[in-house]
Amino acid sequence: MLVELKKVQTGTSKLPSQVQASLKDVSDGLTASINELSSIASSDAPFNEKATKVKDAVQQRINPLLDAATSRVQEILKVISSRGQEAKENVQNGSANGRPE
């Protein structure tokens, strides 16, 4: 799980700065979750206690974090899609208006 969360964190850091800014709270939560899970994994606690702590962390932090990230990415994709559609329409309208009749 830590490996996958770190992959998400790395992928987030490669996004354009505007997207990173809009995902800052998600990125901060991801960092905190990675730190928490790393701490749990490296503790000297018995396995059953570690498993319970990981389960609690997933339920309380990671699932809500992933839900928020999914929602935010869907919002960003909608904006990008609508801008792309507007640009396409502008090009088509410009091309149609620029042709001699």
PDB file of N, CA and C in Angstrom:
ATOM      1  N   MET A   1       0.822  -1.181   0.000  1.00  0.00           N
ATOM      2  CA  MET A   1       0.000   0.000   0.000  1.00  0.00           C
ATOM      3  C   MET A   1       0.875   1.257   0.000  1.00  0.00           C
ATOM      4  N   LEU A   2       1.941   1.223   0.777  1.00  0.00           N
ATOM      5  CA  LEU A   2       2.843   2.373   0.807  1.00  0.00           C
ATOM      6  C   LEU A   2       3.449   2.653  -0.568  1.00  0.00           C
ATOM      7  N   VAL A   3       3.815   1.594  -1.251  1.00  0.00           N
ATOM      8  CA  VAL A   3       4.411   1.756  -2.582  1.00  0.00           C
ATOM      9  C   VAL A   3       3.420   2.439  -3.521  1.00  0.00           C
ATOM     10  N   GLU A   4       2.183   2.013  -3.496  1.00  0.00           N
ATOM     11  CA  GLU A   4       1.166   2.608  -4.370  1.00  0.00           C
ATOM     12  C   GLU A   4       0.898   4.069  -4.005  1.00  0.00           C
ATOM     13  N   LEU A   5       0.822   4.362  -2.718  1.00  0.00           N
ATOM     14  CA  LEU A   5       0.606   5.744  -2.287  1.00  0.00           C
ATOM     15  C   LEU A   5       1.779   6.631  -2.698  1.00  0.00           C
ATOM     16  N   LYS A   6       2.987   6.096  -2.620  1.00  0.00           N
ATOM     17  CA  LYS A   6       4.161   6.862  -3.036  1.00  0.00           C
ATOM     18  C   LYS A   6       4.150   7.100  -4.543  1.00  0.00           C
ATOM     19  N   LYS A   7       3.647   6.122  -5.316  1.00  0.00           N
ATOM     20  CA  LYS A   7       3.512   6.311  -6.766  1.00  0.00           C
ATOM     21  C   LYS A   7       2.536   7.436  -7.069  1.00  0.00           C
ATOM     22  N   VAL A   8       1.430   7.465  -6.336  1.00  0.00           N
ATOM     23  CA  VAL A   8       0.445   8.541  -6.519  1.00  0.00           C
ATOM     24  C   VAL A   8       1.085   9.881  -6.172  1.00  0.00           C
ATOM     25  N   GLN A   9       1.829   9.915  -5.089  1.00  0.00           N
ATOM     26  CA  GLN A   9       2.503  11.147  -4.668  1.00  0.00           C
ATOM     27  C   GLN A   9       3.497  11.611  -5.733  1.00  0.00           C
ATOM     28  N   THR A  10       4.264  10.691  -6.281  1.00  0.00           N
ATOM     29  CA  THR A  10       5.225  11.024  -7.330  1.00  0.00           C
ATOM     30  C   THR A  10       4.502  11.529  -8.577  1.00  0.00           C
ATOM     31  N   GLY A  11       3.427  10.861  -8.941  1.00  0.00           N
ATOM     32  CA  GLY A  11       2.649  11.291 -10.105  1.00  0.00           C
ATOM     33  C   GLY A  11       2.062  12.677  -9.912  1.00  0.00           C
ATOM     34  N   THR A  12       1.614  12.964  -8.716  1.00  0.00           N
ATOM     35  CA  THR A  12       1.043  14.277  -8.418  1.00  0.00           C
ATOM     36  C   THR A  12       2.098  15.362  -8.568  1.00  0.00           C
ATOM     37  N   SER A  13       3.310  15.063  -8.164  1.00  0.00           N
ATOM     38  CA  SER A  13       4.379  16.065  -8.239  1.00  0.00           C
ATOM     39  C   SER A  13       4.782  16.374  -9.685  1.00  0.00           C
ATOM     40  N   LYS A  14       4.397  15.526 -10.617  1.00  0.00           N
ATOM     41  CA  LYS A  14       4.745  15.734 -12.026  1.00  0.00           C
ATOM     42  C   LYS A  14       3.662  16.502 -12.790  1.00  0.00           C
ATOM     43  N   LEU A  15       2.559  16.800 -12.115  1.00  0.00           N
ATOM     44  CA  LEU A  15       1.464  17.525 -12.764  1.00  0.00           C
ATOM     45  C   LEU A  15       1.820  18.996 -12.936  1.00  0.00           C
ATOM     46  N   PRO A  16       1.148  19.690 -13.852  1.00  0.00           N
ATOM     47  CA  PRO A  16       1.377  21.138 -13.991  1.00  0.00           C
ATOM     48  C   PRO A  16       1.114  21.860 -12.665  1.00  0.00           C
ATOM     49  N   SER A  17       1.792  22.965 -12.464  1.00  0.00           N
ATOM     50  CA  SER A  17       1.726  23.675 -11.179  1.00  0.00           C
ATOM     51  C   SER A  17       0.310  24.097 -10.812  1.00  0.00           C
ATOM     52  N   GLN A  18      -0.513  24.471 -11.782  1.00  0.00           N
ATOM     53  CA  GLN A  18      -1.894  24.865 -11.483  1.00  0.00           C
ATOM     54  C   GLN A  18      -2.688  23.682 -10.933  1.00  0.00           C
ATOM     55  N   VAL A  19      -2.472  22.516 -11.492  1.00  0.00           N
ATOM     56  CA  VAL A  19      -3.164  21.318 -11.022  1.00  0.00           C
ATOM     57  C   VAL A  19      -2.639  20.941  -9.644  1.00  0.00           C
ATOM     58  N   GLN A  20      -1.326  21.032  -9.454  1.00  0.00           N
ATOM     59  CA  GLN A  20      -0.748  20.746  -8.145  1.00  0.00           C
ATOM     60  C   GLN A  20      -1.347  21.657  -7.080  1.00  0.00           C
ATOM     61  N   ALA A  21      -1.505  22.928  -7.409  1.00  0.00           N
ATOM     62  CA  ALA A  21      -2.070  23.881  -6.450  1.00  0.00           C
ATOM     63  C   ALA A  21      -3.495  23.509  -6.078  1.00  0.00           C
ATOM     64  N   SER A  22      -4.265  23.059  -7.049  1.00  0.00           N
ATOM     65  CA  SER A  22      -5.656  22.698  -6.761  1.00  0.00           C
ATOM     66  C   SER A  22      -5.758  21.383  -5.984  1.00  0.00           C
ATOM     67  N   LEU A  23      -4.699  20.611  -5.995  1.00  0.00           N
ATOM     68  CA  LEU A  23      -4.671  19.337  -5.265  1.00  0.00           C
ATOM     69  C   LEU A  23      -3.795  19.401  -4.012  1.00  0.00           C
ATOM     70  N   LYS A  24      -3.428  20.616  -3.570  1.00  0.00           N
ATOM     71  CA  LYS A  24      -2.499  20.751  -2.446  1.00  0.00           C
ATOM     72  C   LYS A  24      -3.008  20.064  -1.190  1.00  0.00           C
ATOM     73  N   ASP A  25      -4.268  20.257  -0.842  1.00  0.00           N
ATOM     74  CA  ASP A  25      -4.789  19.621   0.369  1.00  0.00           C
ATOM     75  C   ASP A  25      -4.766  18.104   0.253  1.00  0.00           C
ATOM     76  N   VAL A  26      -5.039  17.600  -0.924  1.00  0.00           N
ATOM     77  CA  VAL A  26      -4.989  16.156  -1.154  1.00  0.00           C
ATOM     78  C   VAL A  26      -3.538  15.672  -1.048  1.00  0.00           C
ATOM     79  N   SER A  27      -2.625  16.416  -1.642  1.00  0.00           N
ATOM     80  CA  SER A  27      -1.206  16.051  -1.592  1.00  0.00           C
ATOM     81  C   SER A  27      -0.687  16.080  -0.157  1.00  0.00           C
ATOM     82  N   ASP A  28      -1.085  17.088   0.600  1.00  0.00           N
ATOM     83  CA  ASP A  28      -0.667  17.174   2.007  1.00  0.00           C
ATOM     84  C   ASP A  28      -1.222  15.992   2.804  1.00  0.00           C
ATOM     85  N   GLY A  29      -2.473  15.651   2.549  1.00  0.00           N
ATOM     86  CA  GLY A  29      -3.073  14.498   3.222  1.00  0.00           C
ATOM     87  C   GLY A  29      -2.389  13.200   2.836  1.00  0.00           C
ATOM     88  N   LEU A  30      -1.987  13.106   1.593  1.00  0.00           N
ATOM     89  CA  LEU A  30      -1.277  11.921   1.120  1.00  0.00           C
ATOM     90  C   LEU A  30       0.066  11.783   1.835  1.00  0.00           C
ATOM     91  N   THR A  31       0.777  12.880   1.958  1.00  0.00           N
ATOM     92  CA  THR A  31       2.066  12.861   2.669  1.00  0.00           C
ATOM     93  C   THR A  31       1.869  12.436   4.119  1.00  0.00           C
ATOM     94  N   ALA A  32       0.874  12.998   4.777  1.00  0.00           N
ATOM     95  CA  ALA A  32       0.603  12.639   6.173  1.00  0.00           C
ATOM     96  C   ALA A  32       0.235  11.165   6.297  1.00  0.00           C
ATOM     97  N   SER A  33      -0.552  10.668   5.353  1.00  0.00           N
ATOM     98  CA  SER A  33      -0.961   9.262   5.384  1.00  0.00           C
ATOM     99  C   SER A  33       0.238   8.334   5.167  1.00  0.00           C
ATOM    100  N   ILE A  34       1.101   8.685   4.234  1.00  0.00           N
ATOM    101  CA  ILE A  34       2.306   7.889   3.988  1.00  0.00           C
ATOM    102  C   ILE A  34       3.175   7.856   5.242  1.00  0.00           C
ATOM    103  N   ASN A  35       3.334   9.011   5.863  1.00  0.00           N
ATOM    104  CA  ASN A  35       4.134   9.073   7.092  1.00  0.00           C
ATOM    105  C   ASN A  35       3.512   8.224   8.197  1.00  0.00           C
ATOM    106  N   GLU A  36       2.194   8.295   8.331  1.00  0.00           N
ATOM    107  CA  GLU A  36       1.511   7.511   9.357  1.00  0.00           C
ATOM    108  C   GLU A  36       1.674   6.014   9.111  1.00  0.00           C
ATOM    109  N   LEU A  37       1.457   5.578   7.874  1.00  0.00           N
ATOM    110  CA  LEU A  37       1.588   4.158   7.555  1.00  0.00           C
ATOM    111  C   LEU A  37       3.031   3.683   7.707  1.00  0.00           C
ATOM    112  N   SER A  38       3.978   4.526   7.340  1.00  0.00           N
ATOM    113  CA  SER A  38       5.394   4.162   7.515  1.00  0.00           C
ATOM    114  C   SER A  38       5.717   3.989   8.990  1.00  0.00           C
ATOM    115  N   SER A  39       5.183   4.868   9.805  1.00  0.00           N
ATOM    116  CA  SER A  39       5.398   4.789  11.242  1.00  0.00           C
ATOM    117  C   SER A  39       4.798   3.515  11.823  1.00  0.00           C
ATOM    118  N   ILE A  40       3.600   3.185  11.372  1.00  0.00           N
ATOM    119  CA  ILE A  40       2.948   1.954  11.830  1.00  0.00           C
ATOM    120  C   ILE A  40       3.774   0.735  11.430  1.00  0.00           C
ATOM    121  N   ALA A  41       4.193   0.720  10.168  1.00  0.00           N
ATOM    122  CA  ALA A  41       4.933  -0.438   9.656  1.00  0.00           C
ATOM    123  C   ALA A  41       6.268  -0.630  10.367  1.00  0.00           C
ATOM    124  N   SER A  42       6.917   0.454  10.735  1.00  0.00           N
ATOM    125  CA  SER A  42       8.239   0.336  11.357  1.00  0.00           C
ATOM    126  C   SER A  42       8.189   0.225  12.884  1.00  0.00           C
ATOM    127  N   SER A  43       6.985   0.282  13.449  1.00  0.00           N
ATOM    128  CA  SER A  43       6.879   0.196  14.908  1.00  0.00           C
ATOM    129  C   SER A  43       7.164  -1.229  15.397  1.00  0.00           C
ATOM    130  N   ASP A  44       7.415  -1.335  16.672  1.00  0.00           N
ATOM    131  CA  ASP A  44       7.679  -2.637  17.285  1.00  0.00           C
ATOM    132  C   ASP A  44       6.392  -3.296  17.786  1.00  0.00           C
ATOM    133  N   ALA A  45       5.263  -2.758  17.433  1.00  0.00           N
ATOM    134  CA  ALA A  45       3.987  -3.293  17.901  1.00  0.00           C
ATOM    135  C   ALA A  45       3.747  -4.692  17.332  1.00  0.00           C
ATOM    136  N   PRO A  46       2.964  -5.488  18.029  1.00  0.00           N
ATOM    137  CA  PRO A  46       2.610  -6.815  17.502  1.00  0.00           C
ATOM    138  C   PRO A  46       1.839  -6.677  16.179  1.00  0.00           C
ATOM    139  N   PHE A  47       1.926  -7.732  15.382  1.00  0.00           N
ATOM    140  CA  PHE A  47       1.298  -7.706  14.061  1.00  0.00           C
ATOM    141  C   PHE A  47      -0.187  -7.352  14.128  1.00  0.00           C
ATOM    142  N   ASN A  48      -0.934  -7.943  15.046  1.00  0.00           N
ATOM    143  CA  ASN A  48      -2.373  -7.675  15.144  1.00  0.00           C
ATOM    144  C   ASN A  48      -2.642  -6.198  15.401  1.00  0.00           C
ATOM    145  N   GLU A  49      -1.822  -5.586  16.231  1.00  0.00           N
ATOM    146  CA  GLU A  49      -1.988  -4.160  16.531  1.00  0.00           C
ATOM    147  C   GLU A  49      -1.670  -3.313  15.292  1.00  0.00           C
ATOM    148  N   LYS A  50      -0.617  -3.688  14.576  1.00  0.00           N
ATOM    149  CA  LYS A  50      -0.277  -2.982  13.337  1.00  0.00           C
ATOM    150  C   LYS A  50      -1.409  -3.089  12.324  1.00  0.00           C
ATOM    151  N   ALA A  51      -1.954  -4.296  12.197  1.00  0.00           N
ATOM    152  CA  ALA A  51      -3.038  -4.509  11.240  1.00  0.00           C
ATOM    153  C   ALA A  51      -4.250  -3.645  11.589  1.00  0.00           C
ATOM    154  N   THR A  52      -4.571  -3.564  12.862  1.00  0.00           N
ATOM    155  CA  THR A  52      -5.699  -2.741  13.301  1.00  0.00           C
ATOM    156  C   THR A  52      -5.433  -1.268  13.010  1.00  0.00           C
ATOM    157  N   LYS A  53      -4.220  -0.811  13.276  1.00  0.00           N
ATOM    158  CA  LYS A  53      -3.869   0.592  13.023  1.00  0.00           C
ATOM    159  C   LYS A  53      -3.907   0.924  11.532  1.00  0.00           C
ATOM    160  N   VAL A  54      -3.433   0.000  10.716  1.00  0.00           N
ATOM    161  CA  VAL A  54      -3.470   0.214   9.266  1.00  0.00           C
ATOM    162  C   VAL A  54      -4.919   0.277   8.792  1.00  0.00           C
ATOM    163  N   LYS A  55      -5.742  -0.643   9.267  1.00  0.00           N
ATOM    164  CA  LYS A  55      -7.167  -0.652   8.897  1.00  0.00           C
ATOM    165  C   LYS A  55      -7.823   0.670   9.286  1.00  0.00           C
ATOM    166  N   ASP A  56      -7.543   1.139  10.493  1.00  0.00           N
ATOM    167  CA  ASP A  56      -8.113   2.406  10.954  1.00  0.00           C
ATOM    168  C   ASP A  56      -7.634   3.581  10.103  1.00  0.00           C
ATOM    169  N   ALA A  57      -6.347   3.590   9.780  1.00  0.00           N
ATOM    170  CA  ALA A  57      -5.799   4.663   8.949  1.00  0.00           C
ATOM    171  C   ALA A  57      -6.439   4.670   7.567  1.00  0.00           C
ATOM    172  N   VAL A  58      -6.632   3.491   7.005  1.00  0.00           N
ATOM    173  CA  VAL A  58      -7.261   3.395   5.682  1.00  0.00           C
ATOM    174  C   VAL A  58      -8.689   3.912   5.743  1.00  0.00           C
ATOM    175  N   GLN A  59      -9.433   3.495   6.735  1.00  0.00           N
ATOM    176  CA  GLN A  59     -10.827   3.910   6.852  1.00  0.00           C
ATOM    177  C   GLN A  59     -10.965   5.398   7.166  1.00  0.00           C
ATOM    178  N   GLN A  60     -10.120   5.905   8.042  1.00  0.00           N
ATOM    179  CA  GLN A  60     -10.271   7.277   8.508  1.00  0.00           C
ATOM    180  C   GLN A  60      -9.573   8.312   7.640  1.00  0.00           C
ATOM    181  N   ARG A  61      -8.478   7.928   6.994  1.00  0.00           N
ATOM    182  CA  ARG A  61      -7.699   8.914   6.252  1.00  0.00           C
ATOM    183  C   ARG A  61      -7.616   8.630   4.761  1.00  0.00           C
ATOM    184  N   ILE A  62      -7.250   7.410   4.425  1.00  0.00           N
ATOM    185  CA  ILE A  62      -6.915   7.124   3.033  1.00  0.00           C
ATOM    186  C   ILE A  62      -8.158   7.051   2.153  1.00  0.00           C
ATOM    187  N   ASN A  63      -9.194   6.347   2.576  1.00  0.00           N
ATOM    188  CA  ASN A  63     -10.411   6.285   1.759  1.00  0.00           C
ATOM    189  C   ASN A  63     -10.997   7.676   1.511  1.00  0.00           C
ATOM    190  N   PRO A  64     -11.166   8.527   2.548  1.00  0.00           N
ATOM    191  CA  PRO A  64     -11.661   9.880   2.286  1.00  0.00           C
ATOM    192  C   PRO A  64     -10.720  10.691   1.394  1.00  0.00           C
ATOM    193  N   LEU A  65      -9.430  10.485   1.564  1.00  0.00           N
ATOM    194  CA  LEU A  65      -8.449  11.181   0.748  1.00  0.00           C
ATOM    195  C   LEU A  65      -8.572  10.784  -0.721  1.00  0.00           C
ATOM    196  N   LEU A  66      -8.696   9.496  -0.973  1.00  0.00           N
ATOM    197  CA  LEU A  66      -8.851   9.028  -2.356  1.00  0.00           C
ATOM    198  C   LEU A  66     -10.170   9.489  -2.962  1.00  0.00           C
ATOM    199  N   ASP A  67     -11.229   9.521  -2.157  1.00  0.00           N
ATOM    200  CA  ASP A  67     -12.514  10.042  -2.637  1.00  0.00           C
ATOM    201  C   ASP A  67     -12.386  11.515  -3.021  1.00  0.00           C
ATOM    202  N   ALA A  68     -11.712  12.295  -2.176  1.00  0.00           N
ATOM    203  CA  ALA A  68     -11.511  13.720  -2.463  1.00  0.00           C
ATOM    204  C   ALA A  68     -10.662  13.905  -3.720  1.00  0.00           C
ATOM    205  N   ALA A  69      -9.626  13.105  -3.859  1.00  0.00           N
ATOM    206  CA  ALA A  69      -8.761  13.197  -5.036  1.00  0.00           C
ATOM    207  C   ALA A  69      -9.529  12.858  -6.303  1.00  0.00           C
ATOM    208  N   THR A  70     -10.326  11.808  -6.237  1.00  0.00           N
ATOM    209  CA  THR A  70     -11.135  11.407  -7.398  1.00  0.00           C
ATOM    210  C   THR A  70     -12.086  12.519  -7.799  1.00  0.00           C
ATOM    211  N   SER A  71     -12.753  13.082  -6.828  1.00  0.00           N
ATOM    212  CA  SER A  71     -13.695  14.164  -7.089  1.00  0.00           C
ATOM    213  C   SER A  71     -12.991  15.371  -7.702  1.00  0.00           C
ATOM    214  N   ARG A  72     -11.862  15.744  -7.134  1.00  0.00           N
ATOM    215  CA  ARG A  72     -11.118  16.909  -7.627  1.00  0.00           C
ATOM    216  C   ARG A  72     -10.623  16.682  -9.038  1.00  0.00           C
ATOM    217  N   VAL A  73     -10.106  15.500  -9.325  1.00  0.00           N
ATOM    218  CA  VAL A  73      -9.613  15.197 -10.672  1.00  0.00           C
ATOM    219  C   VAL A  73     -10.768  15.223 -11.675  1.00  0.00           C
ATOM    220  N   GLN A  74     -11.933  14.719 -11.291  1.00  0.00           N
ATOM    221  CA  GLN A  74     -13.092  14.766 -12.183  1.00  0.00           C
ATOM    222  C   GLN A  74     -13.489  16.207 -12.487  1.00  0.00           C
ATOM    223  N   GLU A  75     -13.427  17.080 -11.475  1.00  0.00           N
ATOM    224  CA  GLU A  75     -13.722  18.492 -11.698  1.00  0.00           C
ATOM    225  C   GLU A  75     -12.724  19.111 -12.668  1.00  0.00           C
ATOM    226  N   ILE A  76     -11.446  18.805 -12.467  1.00  0.00           N
ATOM    227  CA  ILE A  76     -10.402  19.343 -13.345  1.00  0.00           C
ATOM    228  C   ILE A  76     -10.602  18.855 -14.778  1.00  0.00           C
ATOM    229  N   LEU A  77     -10.925  17.574 -14.929  1.00  0.00           N
ATOM    230  CA  LEU A  77     -11.145  17.025 -16.273  1.00  0.00           C
ATOM    231  C   LEU A  77     -12.349  17.667 -16.953  1.00  0.00           C
ATOM    232  N   LYS A  78     -13.389  17.967 -16.195  1.00  0.00           N
ATOM    233  CA  LYS A  78     -14.562  18.647 -16.766  1.00  0.00           C
ATOM    234  C   LYS A  78     -14.177  20.026 -17.287  1.00  0.00           C
ATOM    235  N   VAL A  79     -13.385  20.757 -16.519  1.00  0.00           N
ATOM    236  CA  VAL A  79     -12.946  22.088 -16.941  1.00  0.00           C
ATOM    237  C   VAL A  79     -12.095  21.990 -18.196  1.00  0.00           C
ATOM    238  N   ILE A  80     -11.158  21.063 -18.192  1.00  0.00           N
ATOM    239  CA  ILE A  80     -10.289  20.887 -19.356  1.00  0.00           C
ATOM    240  C   ILE A  80     -11.108  20.493 -20.585  1.00  0.00           C
ATOM    241  N   SER A  81     -12.053  19.593 -20.389  1.00  0.00           N
ATOM    242  CA  SER A  81     -12.888  19.145 -21.496  1.00  0.00           C
ATOM    243  C   SER A  81     -13.722  20.297 -22.060  1.00  0.00           C
ATOM    244  N   SER A  82     -14.292  21.100 -21.181  1.00  0.00           N
ATOM    245  CA  SER A  82     -15.123  22.209 -21.664  1.00  0.00           C
ATOM    246  C   SER A  82     -14.265  23.246 -22.385  1.00  0.00           C
ATOM    247  N   ARG A  83     -13.060  23.482 -21.894  1.00  0.00           N
ATOM    248  CA  ARG A  83     -12.153  24.422 -22.577  1.00  0.00           C
ATOM    249  C   ARG A  83     -11.743  23.879 -23.938  1.00  0.00           C
ATOM    250  N   GLY A  84     -11.496  22.575 -24.003  1.00  0.00           N
ATOM    251  CA  GLY A  84     -11.150  21.959 -25.284  1.00  0.00           C
ATOM    252  C   GLY A  84     -12.295  22.059 -26.278  1.00  0.00           C
ATOM    253  N   GLN A  85     -13.514  21.848 -25.807  1.00  0.00           N
ATOM    254  CA  GLN A  85     -14.693  21.952 -26.669  1.00  0.00           C
ATOM    255  C   GLN A  85     -14.864  23.385 -27.160  1.00  0.00           C
ATOM    256  N   GLU A  86     -14.664  24.362 -26.262  1.00  0.00           N
ATOM    257  CA  GLU A  86     -14.771  25.769 -26.654  1.00  0.00           C
ATOM    258  C   GLU A  86     -13.733  26.116 -27.711  1.00  0.00           C
ATOM    259  N   ALA A  87     -12.512  25.641 -27.525  1.00  0.00           N
ATOM    260  CA  ALA A  87     -11.452  25.911 -28.494  1.00  0.00           C
ATOM    261  C   ALA A  87     -11.777  25.282 -29.839  1.00  0.00           C
ATOM    262  N   LYS A  88     -12.306  24.071 -29.801  1.00  0.00           N
ATOM    263  CA  LYS A  88     -12.682  23.382 -31.043  1.00  0.00           C
ATOM    264  C   LYS A  88     -13.770  24.165 -31.774  1.00  0.00           C
ATOM    265  N   GLU A  89     -14.757  24.625 -31.028  1.00  0.00           N
ATOM    266  CA  GLU A  89     -15.843  25.407 -31.636  1.00  0.00           C
ATOM    267  C   GLU A  89     -15.322  26.713 -32.206  1.00  0.00           C
ATOM    268  N   ASN A  90     -14.394  27.362 -31.491  1.00  0.00           N
ATOM    269  CA  ASN A  90     -13.825  28.611 -31.989  1.00  0.00           C
ATOM    270  C   ASN A  90     -13.057  28.390 -33.283  1.00  0.00           C
ATOM    271  N   VAL A  91     -12.317  27.304 -33.365  1.00  0.00           N
ATOM    272  CA  VAL A  91     -11.565  26.995 -34.579  1.00  0.00           C
ATOM    273  C   VAL A  91     -12.526  26.719 -35.726  1.00  0.00           C
ATOM    274  N   GLN A  92     -13.562  25.935 -35.456  1.00  0.00           N
ATOM    275  CA  GLN A  92     -14.536  25.613 -36.502  1.00  0.00           C
ATOM    276  C   GLN A  92     -15.273  26.863 -36.956  1.00  0.00           C
ATOM    277  N   ASN A  93     -15.679  27.695 -36.033  1.00  0.00           N
ATOM    278  CA  ASN A  93     -16.378  28.928 -36.394  1.00  0.00           C
ATOM    279  C   ASN A  93     -15.456  29.885 -37.125  1.00  0.00           C
ATOM    280  N   GLY A  94     -14.220  29.958 -36.695  1.00  0.00           N
ATOM    281  CA  GLY A  94     -13.252  30.827 -37.365  1.00  0.00           C
ATOM    282  C   GLY A  94     -12.961  30.347 -38.765  1.00  0.00           C
ATOM    283  N   SER A  95     -12.843  29.039 -38.934  1.00  0.00           N
ATOM    284  CA  SER A  95     -12.577  28.474 -40.263  1.00  0.00           C
ATOM    285  C   SER A  95     -13.759  28.695 -41.177  1.00  0.00           C
ATOM    286  N   ALA A  96     -14.957  28.503 -40.639  1.00  0.00           N
ATOM    287  CA  ALA A  96     -16.161  28.668 -41.458  1.00  0.00           C
ATOM    288  C   ALA A  96     -16.333  30.144 -41.848  1.00  0.00           C
ATOM    289  N   ASN A  97     -16.024  31.031 -40.937  1.00  0.00           N
ATOM    290  CA  ASN A  97     -16.185  32.459 -41.229  1.00  0.00           C
ATOM    291  C   ASN A  97     -15.080  32.988 -42.120  1.00  0.00           C
ATOM    292  N   GLY A  98     -13.947  32.322 -42.134  1.00  0.00           N
ATOM    293  CA  GLY A  98     -12.812  32.811 -42.921  1.00  0.00           C
ATOM    294  C   GLY A  98     -12.810  32.321 -44.353  1.00  0.00           C
ATOM    295  N   ARG A  99     -13.727  31.474 -44.737  1.00  0.00           N
ATOM    296  CA  ARG A  99     -13.750  30.926 -46.100  1.00  0.00           C
ATOM    297  C   ARG A  99     -14.487  31.878 -47.046  1.00  0.00           C
ATOM    298  N   PRO A 100     -13.959  32.039 -48.206  1.00  0.00           N
ATOM    299  CA  PRO A 100     -14.690  32.849 -49.208  1.00  0.00           C
ATOM    300  C   PRO A 100     -15.912  32.084 -49.696  1.00  0.00           C
ATOM    301  N   GLU A 101     -16.950  32.796 -49.927  1.00  0.00           N
ATOM    302  CA  GLU A 101     -18.190  32.146 -50.390  1.00  0.00           C
ATOM    303  C   GLU A 101     -18.364  32.261 -51.864  1.00  0.00           C
TER     304      GLU A 101
END
